[in-house]
N, C-alpha and C. Protein backbone atom coordinates (compact mmCIF):
# COMPACT_ATOMS: atom_id res chain seq x y z
N MET A 1 127.31 101.64 172.27
CA MET A 1 128.12 102.62 172.96
C MET A 1 128.23 103.85 172.06
N ASN A 2 128.21 105.02 172.65
CA ASN A 2 128.36 106.26 171.92
C ASN A 2 129.70 106.91 172.25
N LYS A 3 130.27 107.52 171.24
CA LYS A 3 131.49 108.30 171.44
C LYS A 3 131.24 109.72 170.96
N ILE A 4 131.99 110.63 171.54
CA ILE A 4 131.92 112.03 171.15
C ILE A 4 133.23 112.40 170.46
N LEU A 5 133.09 112.93 169.25
CA LEU A 5 134.23 113.45 168.50
C LEU A 5 134.13 114.97 168.59
N ARG A 6 135.13 115.59 169.20
CA ARG A 6 135.12 117.04 169.41
C ARG A 6 136.22 117.69 168.57
N TYR A 7 135.80 118.66 167.75
CA TYR A 7 136.76 119.36 166.90
C TYR A 7 137.51 120.39 167.73
N ASN A 8 138.85 120.41 167.58
CA ASN A 8 139.67 121.34 168.34
C ASN A 8 140.24 122.46 167.48
N GLN A 9 140.99 122.14 166.44
CA GLN A 9 141.63 123.18 165.63
C GLN A 9 142.18 122.58 164.35
N TYR A 10 142.64 123.45 163.46
CA TYR A 10 143.32 122.99 162.26
C TYR A 10 144.58 123.81 162.08
N LYS A 11 145.47 123.25 161.27
CA LYS A 11 146.64 124.03 160.88
C LYS A 11 147.06 123.61 159.48
N GLU A 12 147.58 124.57 158.76
CA GLU A 12 148.07 124.31 157.41
C GLU A 12 149.47 123.75 157.51
N ILE A 13 149.72 122.74 156.70
CA ILE A 13 151.06 122.15 156.64
C ILE A 13 151.63 122.52 155.27
N ILE A 14 152.73 123.22 155.29
CA ILE A 14 153.35 123.68 154.05
C ILE A 14 154.28 122.60 153.52
N LEU A 15 154.09 122.24 152.27
CA LEU A 15 154.98 121.30 151.60
C LEU A 15 155.62 122.02 150.42
N PRO A 16 156.75 122.67 150.66
CA PRO A 16 157.39 123.39 149.56
C PRO A 16 157.77 122.43 148.44
N LEU A 17 157.70 122.91 147.26
CA LEU A 17 158.04 122.18 146.04
C LEU A 17 156.99 121.17 145.61
N GLU A 18 156.01 120.90 146.43
CA GLU A 18 154.95 119.96 146.05
C GLU A 18 153.69 120.76 145.76
N ARG A 19 152.92 120.31 144.82
CA ARG A 19 151.69 121.00 144.45
C ARG A 19 150.52 120.34 145.19
N ILE A 20 150.61 120.38 146.51
CA ILE A 20 149.61 119.76 147.38
C ILE A 20 149.30 120.71 148.52
N PHE A 21 148.03 120.82 148.86
CA PHE A 21 147.62 121.56 150.05
C PHE A 21 147.29 120.53 151.12
N VAL A 22 147.82 120.72 152.33
CA VAL A 22 147.58 119.79 153.43
C VAL A 22 147.12 120.57 154.65
N PHE A 23 146.04 120.08 155.26
CA PHE A 23 145.54 120.66 156.50
C PHE A 23 145.40 119.55 157.53
N ARG A 24 145.87 119.82 158.74
CA ARG A 24 145.72 118.88 159.85
C ARG A 24 144.57 119.35 160.72
N TYR A 25 143.58 118.48 160.88
CA TYR A 25 142.42 118.76 161.72
C TYR A 25 142.56 117.93 162.99
N CYS A 26 142.54 118.61 164.12
CA CYS A 26 142.76 117.96 165.42
C CYS A 26 141.43 117.80 166.15
N PHE A 27 141.24 116.62 166.71
CA PHE A 27 140.00 116.27 167.41
C PHE A 27 140.34 115.59 168.74
N SER A 28 139.33 115.54 169.60
CA SER A 28 139.38 114.72 170.81
C SER A 28 138.29 113.67 170.67
N LEU A 29 138.54 112.50 171.21
CA LEU A 29 137.57 111.41 171.15
C LEU A 29 137.41 110.83 172.54
N ILE A 30 136.16 110.70 172.96
CA ILE A 30 135.89 110.14 174.29
C ILE A 30 134.56 109.40 174.26
N GLU A 31 134.49 108.39 175.09
CA GLU A 31 133.24 107.67 175.26
C GLU A 31 132.25 108.61 175.96
N GLU A 32 131.03 108.64 175.46
CA GLU A 32 130.03 109.58 175.99
C GLU A 32 129.81 109.42 177.50
N SER A 33 129.85 108.19 177.99
CA SER A 33 129.60 107.94 179.41
C SER A 33 130.71 108.46 180.31
N LYS A 34 131.88 108.81 179.74
CA LYS A 34 133.01 109.30 180.54
C LYS A 34 133.01 110.83 180.67
N ILE A 35 132.13 111.51 179.95
CA ILE A 35 132.09 112.97 180.03
C ILE A 35 131.58 113.39 181.42
N ASP A 36 132.22 114.39 181.98
CA ASP A 36 131.91 114.92 183.32
C ASP A 36 132.12 113.89 184.42
N THR A 37 133.10 113.02 184.21
CA THR A 37 133.47 112.06 185.26
C THR A 37 134.94 112.30 185.60
N PRO A 38 135.39 111.78 186.73
CA PRO A 38 136.80 111.94 187.08
C PRO A 38 137.75 111.31 186.06
N GLU A 39 137.25 110.36 185.26
CA GLU A 39 138.09 109.69 184.27
C GLU A 39 138.20 110.45 182.95
N GLU A 40 137.39 111.49 182.78
CA GLU A 40 137.30 112.15 181.47
C GLU A 40 138.66 112.54 180.91
N GLU A 41 139.49 113.19 181.70
CA GLU A 41 140.77 113.66 181.19
C GLU A 41 141.66 112.51 180.73
N ASN A 42 141.73 111.44 181.52
CA ASN A 42 142.60 110.31 181.17
C ASN A 42 142.03 109.46 180.04
N GLU A 43 140.72 109.47 179.85
CA GLU A 43 140.09 108.64 178.84
C GLU A 43 139.96 109.35 177.49
N THR A 44 140.27 110.63 177.43
CA THR A 44 140.15 111.38 176.18
C THR A 44 141.36 111.13 175.30
N GLU A 45 141.10 110.74 174.06
CA GLU A 45 142.18 110.50 173.09
C GLU A 45 142.28 111.71 172.17
N GLU A 46 143.49 112.12 171.89
CA GLU A 46 143.73 113.17 170.90
C GLU A 46 144.03 112.48 169.58
N ILE A 47 143.24 112.80 168.57
CA ILE A 47 143.46 112.22 167.25
C ILE A 47 143.47 113.34 166.21
N ASN A 48 144.08 113.06 165.08
CA ASN A 48 144.06 114.06 164.02
C ASN A 48 144.00 113.37 162.68
N ILE A 49 143.64 114.16 161.69
CA ILE A 49 143.62 113.67 160.32
C ILE A 49 144.24 114.73 159.43
N ASP A 50 145.20 114.32 158.64
CA ASP A 50 145.79 115.19 157.63
C ASP A 50 145.01 114.96 156.35
N VAL A 51 144.39 116.00 155.86
CA VAL A 51 143.65 115.91 154.60
C VAL A 51 144.45 116.68 153.57
N GLU A 52 144.83 115.98 152.52
CA GLU A 52 145.60 116.64 151.48
C GLU A 52 144.85 116.58 150.16
N ILE A 53 145.01 117.64 149.39
CA ILE A 53 144.37 117.73 148.09
C ILE A 53 145.39 118.24 147.09
N SER A 54 145.38 117.64 145.93
CA SER A 54 146.32 118.07 144.89
C SER A 54 145.88 119.43 144.35
N TRP A 55 146.86 120.16 143.88
CA TRP A 55 146.59 121.46 143.28
C TRP A 55 145.65 121.30 142.10
N ILE A 56 145.82 120.23 141.33
CA ILE A 56 144.98 119.99 140.16
C ILE A 56 143.53 119.75 140.57
N LYS A 57 143.33 118.96 141.63
CA LYS A 57 141.96 118.68 142.08
C LYS A 57 141.32 119.95 142.63
N ALA A 58 142.07 120.73 143.40
CA ALA A 58 141.54 121.99 143.93
C ALA A 58 141.16 122.92 142.78
N ALA A 59 141.97 122.96 141.75
CA ALA A 59 141.67 123.81 140.59
C ALA A 59 140.42 123.32 139.87
N SER A 60 140.26 122.01 139.73
CA SER A 60 139.08 121.49 139.04
C SER A 60 137.80 121.79 139.81
N TRP A 61 137.91 121.98 141.11
CA TRP A 61 136.74 122.34 141.93
C TRP A 61 136.63 123.85 142.14
N ASN A 62 137.42 124.62 141.41
CA ASN A 62 137.42 126.09 141.52
C ASN A 62 137.73 126.56 142.93
N LEU A 63 138.70 125.92 143.56
CA LEU A 63 139.07 126.27 144.93
C LEU A 63 140.47 126.87 145.01
N LEU A 64 140.91 127.42 143.90
CA LEU A 64 142.18 128.14 143.90
C LEU A 64 141.88 129.64 143.79
N SER A 65 142.71 130.39 144.44
CA SER A 65 142.61 131.84 144.39
C SER A 65 143.99 132.37 144.07
N GLY A 66 144.23 132.62 142.80
CA GLY A 66 145.58 132.99 142.38
C GLY A 66 146.50 131.79 142.52
N SER A 67 147.62 131.97 143.18
CA SER A 67 148.56 130.87 143.38
C SER A 67 148.33 130.15 144.71
N SER A 68 147.28 130.52 145.43
CA SER A 68 146.98 129.91 146.71
C SER A 68 145.59 129.26 146.65
N TYR A 69 145.10 128.84 147.79
CA TYR A 69 143.80 128.18 147.84
C TYR A 69 142.72 129.18 148.26
N HIS A 70 141.50 128.87 147.87
CA HIS A 70 140.33 129.65 148.26
C HIS A 70 140.01 129.31 149.71
N PRO A 71 139.58 130.28 150.52
CA PRO A 71 139.28 130.00 151.94
C PRO A 71 138.26 128.88 152.15
N ASP A 72 137.36 128.65 151.19
CA ASP A 72 136.37 127.58 151.32
C ASP A 72 137.02 126.20 151.36
N LEU A 73 138.24 126.09 150.83
CA LEU A 73 138.93 124.80 150.81
C LEU A 73 139.11 124.25 152.22
N ILE A 74 139.35 125.11 153.18
CA ILE A 74 139.56 124.67 154.57
C ILE A 74 138.31 123.95 155.09
N LYS A 75 137.14 124.51 154.82
CA LYS A 75 135.89 123.90 155.28
C LYS A 75 135.58 122.60 154.54
N ILE A 76 135.84 122.60 153.25
CA ILE A 76 135.55 121.40 152.46
C ILE A 76 136.43 120.24 152.90
N LEU A 77 137.71 120.50 153.11
CA LEU A 77 138.60 119.43 153.57
C LEU A 77 138.26 119.01 155.00
N PHE A 78 137.79 119.94 155.82
CA PHE A 78 137.32 119.60 157.16
C PHE A 78 136.18 118.58 157.07
N GLU A 79 135.23 118.84 156.19
CA GLU A 79 134.08 117.94 156.05
C GLU A 79 134.53 116.54 155.60
N TYR A 80 135.43 116.50 154.65
CA TYR A 80 135.98 115.21 154.22
C TYR A 80 136.67 114.50 155.39
N GLY A 81 137.51 115.23 156.11
CA GLY A 81 138.25 114.64 157.22
C GLY A 81 137.35 114.15 158.33
N LYS A 82 136.36 114.96 158.68
CA LYS A 82 135.41 114.58 159.73
C LYS A 82 134.68 113.30 159.35
N ARG A 83 134.21 113.21 158.14
CA ARG A 83 133.48 112.01 157.69
C ARG A 83 134.39 110.78 157.68
N GLU A 84 135.63 110.96 157.28
CA GLU A 84 136.59 109.85 157.28
C GLU A 84 136.83 109.35 158.70
N LEU A 85 137.01 110.28 159.66
CA LEU A 85 137.22 109.88 161.04
C LEU A 85 136.01 109.15 161.60
N ILE A 86 134.83 109.65 161.32
CA ILE A 86 133.60 109.01 161.82
C ILE A 86 133.51 107.57 161.31
N GLU A 87 133.81 107.36 160.04
CA GLU A 87 133.78 106.00 159.50
C GLU A 87 134.82 105.11 160.17
N LYS A 88 136.01 105.64 160.40
CA LYS A 88 137.07 104.86 161.05
C LYS A 88 136.69 104.53 162.50
N ILE A 89 136.02 105.46 163.17
CA ILE A 89 135.58 105.20 164.55
C ILE A 89 134.52 104.10 164.54
N LYS A 90 133.59 104.17 163.61
CA LYS A 90 132.51 103.18 163.53
C LYS A 90 133.03 101.79 163.20
N ASP A 91 134.02 101.70 162.32
CA ASP A 91 134.51 100.36 161.96
C ASP A 91 135.73 99.94 162.78
N LEU A 92 136.01 100.70 163.85
CA LEU A 92 137.05 100.37 164.83
C LEU A 92 138.46 100.32 164.23
N THR A 93 138.73 101.20 163.25
CA THR A 93 140.05 101.26 162.64
C THR A 93 140.73 102.61 162.88
N ILE A 94 140.23 103.38 163.81
CA ILE A 94 140.77 104.72 164.08
C ILE A 94 142.18 104.61 164.66
N GLU A 95 143.04 105.53 164.25
CA GLU A 95 144.40 105.61 164.78
C GLU A 95 144.62 107.02 165.29
N LYS A 96 145.72 107.23 165.99
CA LYS A 96 146.04 108.56 166.51
C LYS A 96 146.28 109.53 165.36
N ASN A 97 147.00 109.11 164.33
CA ASN A 97 147.29 109.94 163.16
C ASN A 97 146.69 109.28 161.93
N ASN A 98 145.83 110.00 161.23
CA ASN A 98 145.14 109.48 160.06
C ASN A 98 145.41 110.41 158.89
N THR A 99 145.29 109.86 157.68
CA THR A 99 145.53 110.65 156.47
C THR A 99 144.45 110.34 155.45
N LEU A 100 144.00 111.38 154.77
CA LEU A 100 143.07 111.24 153.65
C LEU A 100 143.64 112.04 152.49
N ARG A 101 143.77 111.38 151.34
CA ARG A 101 144.32 112.04 150.16
C ARG A 101 143.22 112.21 149.12
N ILE A 102 143.10 113.43 148.64
CA ILE A 102 142.09 113.74 147.62
C ILE A 102 142.83 114.16 146.36
N TYR A 103 142.82 113.25 145.38
CA TYR A 103 143.48 113.48 144.10
C TYR A 103 142.48 113.19 142.99
N THR A 104 142.85 113.51 141.78
CA THR A 104 141.94 113.29 140.66
C THR A 104 141.63 111.81 140.47
N ASN A 105 142.55 110.92 140.84
CA ASN A 105 142.30 109.49 140.67
C ASN A 105 141.55 108.87 141.86
N THR A 106 141.50 109.55 142.99
CA THR A 106 140.78 109.00 144.15
C THR A 106 139.39 109.60 144.31
N HIS A 107 139.20 110.80 143.82
CA HIS A 107 137.91 111.50 143.91
C HIS A 107 137.58 112.03 142.52
N THR A 108 136.72 111.31 141.84
CA THR A 108 136.48 111.59 140.43
C THR A 108 135.36 112.60 140.17
N GLU A 109 134.74 113.14 141.23
CA GLU A 109 133.67 114.11 141.03
C GLU A 109 134.22 115.32 140.27
N GLU A 110 133.46 115.79 139.29
CA GLU A 110 133.92 116.94 138.51
C GLU A 110 133.73 118.26 139.26
N THR A 111 132.74 118.30 140.13
CA THR A 111 132.53 119.50 140.95
C THR A 111 132.59 119.10 142.42
N CYS A 112 132.89 120.05 143.26
CA CYS A 112 132.97 119.78 144.69
C CYS A 112 131.60 119.34 145.21
N PRO A 113 131.53 118.23 145.93
CA PRO A 113 130.23 117.73 146.39
C PRO A 113 129.63 118.48 147.58
N PHE A 114 130.38 119.39 148.19
CA PHE A 114 129.91 120.07 149.40
C PHE A 114 129.69 121.56 149.16
N ASN A 115 128.69 122.09 149.84
CA ASN A 115 128.45 123.52 149.86
C ASN A 115 129.14 124.08 151.10
N PRO A 116 130.22 124.84 150.95
CA PRO A 116 130.97 125.30 152.12
C PRO A 116 130.19 126.27 153.01
N GLU A 117 129.16 126.90 152.47
CA GLU A 117 128.37 127.84 153.29
C GLU A 117 127.58 127.11 154.37
N ILE A 118 127.31 125.84 154.16
CA ILE A 118 126.52 125.07 155.13
C ILE A 118 127.41 124.37 156.15
N ILE A 119 128.67 124.17 155.82
CA ILE A 119 129.59 123.43 156.70
C ILE A 119 129.92 124.28 157.92
N LYS A 120 129.66 123.72 159.09
CA LYS A 120 130.01 124.39 160.35
C LYS A 120 131.33 123.81 160.83
N MET A 121 132.23 124.73 161.18
CA MET A 121 133.56 124.32 161.60
C MET A 121 133.95 125.18 162.80
N ASN A 122 133.34 124.90 163.93
CA ASN A 122 133.57 125.69 165.14
C ASN A 122 134.37 124.89 166.15
N GLU A 123 135.39 125.51 166.72
CA GLU A 123 136.15 124.83 167.76
C GLU A 123 135.22 124.44 168.89
N GLY A 124 135.36 123.23 169.39
CA GLY A 124 134.50 122.71 170.45
C GLY A 124 133.26 122.02 169.93
N GLN A 125 133.03 122.09 168.64
CA GLN A 125 131.87 121.43 168.03
C GLN A 125 131.97 119.93 168.25
N GLU A 126 130.85 119.30 168.60
CA GLU A 126 130.86 117.87 168.92
C GLU A 126 129.98 117.08 167.98
N PHE A 127 130.39 115.85 167.73
CA PHE A 127 129.65 114.93 166.87
C PHE A 127 129.44 113.64 167.64
N LEU A 128 128.20 113.21 167.76
CA LEU A 128 127.85 111.98 168.46
C LEU A 128 127.93 110.81 167.48
N ILE A 129 128.68 109.78 167.87
CA ILE A 129 128.90 108.64 166.99
C ILE A 129 128.49 107.37 167.73
N SER A 130 127.62 106.61 167.10
CA SER A 130 127.20 105.33 167.66
C SER A 130 128.18 104.26 167.19
N VAL A 131 128.89 103.67 168.15
CA VAL A 131 129.92 102.68 167.83
C VAL A 131 129.40 101.31 168.22
N PRO A 132 129.43 100.37 167.28
CA PRO A 132 128.95 99.03 167.63
C PRO A 132 129.92 98.35 168.58
N GLU A 133 129.36 97.69 169.57
CA GLU A 133 130.19 96.91 170.47
C GLU A 133 130.30 95.50 169.90
N LYS A 134 131.29 94.78 170.33
CA LYS A 134 131.40 93.39 169.87
C LYS A 134 130.17 92.64 170.29
N THR A 135 129.63 91.88 169.38
CA THR A 135 128.49 91.05 169.73
C THR A 135 128.99 89.78 170.41
N LEU A 136 128.09 89.11 171.06
CA LEU A 136 128.44 87.84 171.71
C LEU A 136 128.93 86.85 170.67
N LYS A 137 128.31 86.86 169.50
CA LYS A 137 128.72 85.95 168.42
C LYS A 137 130.17 86.21 168.02
N GLN A 138 130.58 87.49 167.89
CA GLN A 138 131.95 87.82 167.53
C GLN A 138 132.93 87.32 168.60
N THR A 139 132.56 87.51 169.86
CA THR A 139 133.42 87.09 170.97
C THR A 139 133.59 85.58 170.96
N ILE A 140 132.49 84.86 170.78
CA ILE A 140 132.54 83.39 170.75
C ILE A 140 133.38 82.94 169.57
N THR A 141 133.20 83.58 168.41
CA THR A 141 133.97 83.20 167.22
C THR A 141 135.46 83.41 167.45
N GLU A 142 135.84 84.55 168.05
CA GLU A 142 137.25 84.81 168.33
C GLU A 142 137.83 83.79 169.31
N ASP A 143 137.06 83.46 170.35
CA ASP A 143 137.51 82.46 171.31
C ASP A 143 137.64 81.10 170.63
N ASN A 144 136.72 80.78 169.75
CA ASN A 144 136.74 79.51 169.04
C ASN A 144 137.97 79.42 168.14
N ILE A 145 138.32 80.49 167.47
CA ILE A 145 139.51 80.50 166.61
C ILE A 145 140.76 80.25 167.44
N ALA A 146 140.86 80.91 168.59
CA ALA A 146 142.01 80.69 169.47
C ALA A 146 142.08 79.23 169.90
N PHE A 147 140.95 78.65 170.25
CA PHE A 147 140.91 77.24 170.65
C PHE A 147 141.37 76.34 169.51
N LEU A 148 140.91 76.62 168.29
CA LEU A 148 141.30 75.80 167.14
C LEU A 148 142.80 75.90 166.86
N ILE A 149 143.37 77.09 167.01
CA ILE A 149 144.82 77.27 166.79
C ILE A 149 145.60 76.46 167.82
N ILE A 150 145.20 76.53 169.08
CA ILE A 150 145.89 75.79 170.14
C ILE A 150 145.78 74.29 169.89
N THR A 151 144.60 73.83 169.50
CA THR A 151 144.39 72.41 169.22
C THR A 151 145.26 71.93 168.07
N LYS A 152 145.31 72.69 166.99
CA LYS A 152 146.14 72.31 165.83
C LYS A 152 147.62 72.30 166.20
N ARG A 153 148.05 73.26 167.00
CA ARG A 153 149.45 73.28 167.42
C ARG A 153 149.77 72.02 168.22
N ASP A 154 148.86 71.64 169.12
CA ASP A 154 149.08 70.42 169.91
C ASP A 154 149.13 69.18 169.02
N GLU A 155 148.27 69.14 168.00
CA GLU A 155 148.28 68.00 167.07
C GLU A 155 149.60 67.94 166.31
N ILE A 156 150.08 69.10 165.84
CA ILE A 156 151.36 69.16 165.11
C ILE A 156 152.49 68.67 166.02
N ASN A 157 152.49 69.16 167.27
CA ASN A 157 153.54 68.75 168.21
C ASN A 157 153.49 67.25 168.49
N ALA A 158 152.28 66.69 168.59
CA ALA A 158 152.14 65.26 168.85
C ALA A 158 152.69 64.44 167.68
N LEU A 159 152.35 64.85 166.46
CA LEU A 159 152.87 64.14 165.27
C LEU A 159 154.39 64.26 165.16
N PHE A 160 154.90 65.47 165.40
CA PHE A 160 156.34 65.72 165.31
C PHE A 160 157.08 64.91 166.37
N LYS A 161 156.52 64.88 167.59
CA LYS A 161 157.17 64.16 168.69
C LYS A 161 157.20 62.66 168.43
N SER A 162 156.11 62.13 167.84
CA SER A 162 156.08 60.69 167.56
C SER A 162 157.15 60.30 166.54
N LYS A 163 157.50 61.23 165.65
CA LYS A 163 158.50 60.91 164.62
C LYS A 163 159.92 61.30 165.04
N TYR A 164 160.07 62.49 165.71
CA TYR A 164 161.41 63.02 166.00
C TYR A 164 161.73 63.11 167.49
N LYS A 165 160.81 62.71 168.36
CA LYS A 165 161.01 62.70 169.81
C LYS A 165 161.27 64.09 170.40
N ASP A 166 160.68 65.13 169.80
CA ASP A 166 160.85 66.50 170.28
C ASP A 166 159.62 67.34 169.87
N LYS A 167 159.43 68.49 170.55
CA LYS A 167 158.36 69.42 170.16
C LYS A 167 158.84 70.32 169.05
N LEU A 168 157.94 70.60 168.10
CA LEU A 168 158.28 71.52 167.03
C LEU A 168 157.93 72.96 167.41
N LEU A 169 156.74 73.15 167.96
CA LEU A 169 156.25 74.50 168.31
C LEU A 169 156.16 74.63 169.83
N THR A 170 156.94 75.54 170.38
CA THR A 170 156.88 75.79 171.82
C THR A 170 156.53 77.26 172.05
N ILE A 171 155.61 77.47 172.95
CA ILE A 171 155.18 78.81 173.30
C ILE A 171 155.22 78.91 174.81
N SER A 172 155.84 79.98 175.32
CA SER A 172 156.00 80.11 176.76
C SER A 172 154.67 80.41 177.46
N GLN A 173 153.74 80.97 176.73
CA GLN A 173 152.45 81.30 177.35
C GLN A 173 151.39 81.37 176.26
N GLU A 174 150.19 80.92 176.60
CA GLU A 174 149.09 80.91 175.62
C GLU A 174 148.62 82.33 175.34
């Protein structure tokens, strides 16, 4: 299955008293097969990622301009955020609100790994992501685990009932 990640906009988040720059990058996410269908509007998810970088890390990458940040910082953090979202979409851990922190202890590169002149950051820009679907083996394994849990619960209840004449574990619905 393919999904489309569409970049919408960014905004700076001011954290007074903290030496951190934070930018929120907003995206839309939709299954490719739902584009141009009546379901498109209802099936589109709005997601965002807050990418924050410490003042020290920005300085080590020469991305400070006086007491503020260099304009290239916006593109570089966009690239980090986009890549983080793509990985989360692929491994099925994406959430509505995501955060990525870039500090000297989390990103040890001495120089910025990206060339901001090459990074495209246009509203409406789309990224095609191939998302793995559950395999039949995964589905069978999950069903098997549920069966084993139910079986063990029944065994526990049978042992408990033989000794105490009552059920230990009761569940109103499987």
